[in-house]
């Protein structure tokens, strides 16, 4: 899904107070590769459209790339925006 941007440009955000599954692609059809406890701080390297999810922070099809090959739904990340807050993944 492309290379993460340089670390200096990366913002960190807090996840909702729920256990959040980390997937290996931008959608619920991708495999779960881990989980994060509620209130975790995550970097967003880039964002990409995927499966639409309804979560703590609304309904969105935006998925956040938090590490190489690791994605979480933006519906569970408090970015303060309903839109993109980082570059699109290449």
Protein backbone atom coordinates (compact mmCIF):
# COMPACT_ATOMS: atom_id res chain seq x y z
CA UNK A 1 0.00 0.00 0.00
CA UNK A 2 2.94 2.37 -0.34
CA UNK A 3 5.67 3.70 1.85
CA UNK A 4 4.93 5.61 5.04
CA UNK A 5 5.94 9.26 4.97
CA UNK A 6 8.89 10.51 6.96
CA UNK A 7 8.45 10.37 10.72
CA UNK A 8 8.87 14.13 11.09
CA UNK A 9 5.59 14.74 9.21
CA UNK A 10 3.58 12.20 11.21
CA UNK A 11 0.89 13.28 13.67
CA UNK A 12 -0.17 11.07 16.60
CA UNK A 13 -3.83 10.60 17.56
CA UNK A 14 -5.74 8.87 20.38
CA UNK A 15 -8.01 5.90 19.71
CA UNK A 16 -11.49 5.44 21.17
CA UNK A 17 -11.84 3.81 24.59
CA UNK A 18 -12.49 0.37 23.05
CA UNK A 19 -10.25 -2.48 21.95
CA UNK A 20 -9.36 -1.73 18.35
CA UNK A 21 -8.45 -4.46 15.86
CA UNK A 22 -5.49 -3.81 13.59
CA UNK A 23 -5.83 -5.27 10.09
CA UNK A 24 -3.33 -5.89 7.30
CA UNK A 25 -5.35 -3.82 4.81
CA UNK A 26 -7.95 -1.05 4.67
CA UNK A 27 -11.09 -3.03 5.38
CA UNK A 28 -12.95 -5.49 7.55
CA UNK A 29 -12.25 -8.25 5.02
CA UNK A 30 -8.52 -8.12 5.77
CA UNK A 31 -6.90 -10.30 8.41
CA UNK A 32 -6.60 -9.11 12.00
CA UNK A 33 -2.90 -8.80 12.82
CA UNK A 34 -3.20 -7.38 16.33
CA UNK A 35 -5.22 -5.18 18.63
CA UNK A 36 -4.79 -1.94 20.55
CA UNK A 37 -6.19 -1.16 23.99
CA UNK A 38 -8.61 1.76 24.23
CA UNK A 39 -6.99 5.18 24.45
CA UNK A 40 -3.85 4.15 22.56
CA UNK A 41 -1.75 6.79 20.80
CA UNK A 42 -1.23 5.93 17.13
CA UNK A 43 0.68 7.64 14.31
CA UNK A 44 -1.10 8.09 11.00
CA UNK A 45 1.41 7.70 8.17
CA UNK A 46 -1.20 7.89 5.43
CA UNK A 47 -4.90 7.29 4.88
CA UNK A 48 -6.83 5.35 2.25
CA UNK A 49 -10.45 4.53 1.43
CA UNK A 50 -11.73 1.06 2.33
CA UNK A 51 -14.67 -0.64 4.01
CA UNK A 52 -17.19 1.78 5.52
CA UNK A 53 -17.30 1.42 9.31
CA UNK A 54 -19.48 3.03 11.99
CA UNK A 55 -17.63 3.64 15.24
CA UNK A 56 -17.15 5.98 18.17
CA UNK A 57 -16.30 8.96 15.94
CA UNK A 58 -18.94 8.43 13.24
CA UNK A 59 -19.24 6.54 9.97
CA UNK A 60 -16.37 6.62 7.48
CA UNK A 61 -14.61 4.64 4.78
CA UNK A 62 -11.22 6.15 5.74
CA UNK A 63 -8.59 3.74 7.07
CA UNK A 64 -5.44 4.90 8.84
CA UNK A 65 -2.03 3.34 8.15
CA UNK A 66 -0.42 3.16 11.62
CA UNK A 67 2.57 0.99 10.71
CA UNK A 68 3.88 -0.94 7.72
CA UNK A 69 0.97 -3.15 6.65
CA UNK A 70 -1.19 -2.18 9.64
CA UNK A 71 -4.50 -0.32 9.34
CA UNK A 72 -7.30 0.78 11.70
CA UNK A 73 -10.64 2.35 10.85
CA UNK A 74 -10.64 6.12 11.23
CA UNK A 75 -14.09 5.74 12.86
CA UNK A 76 -12.21 4.80 16.05
CA UNK A 77 -9.42 7.41 15.91
CA UNK A 78 -9.99 10.91 17.32
CA UNK A 79 -8.54 13.04 14.51
CA UNK A 80 -10.97 15.92 15.06
CA UNK A 81 -12.03 15.68 11.42
CA UNK A 82 -14.51 13.70 9.31
CA UNK A 83 -12.11 13.91 6.38
CA UNK A 84 -8.49 13.14 5.62
CA UNK A 85 -5.88 14.48 8.05
CA UNK A 86 -2.87 12.84 6.37
CA UNK A 87 -1.70 12.16 2.84
CA UNK A 88 -3.41 9.43 0.83
CA UNK A 89 -1.51 6.15 0.77
CA UNK A 90 0.24 5.61 -2.57
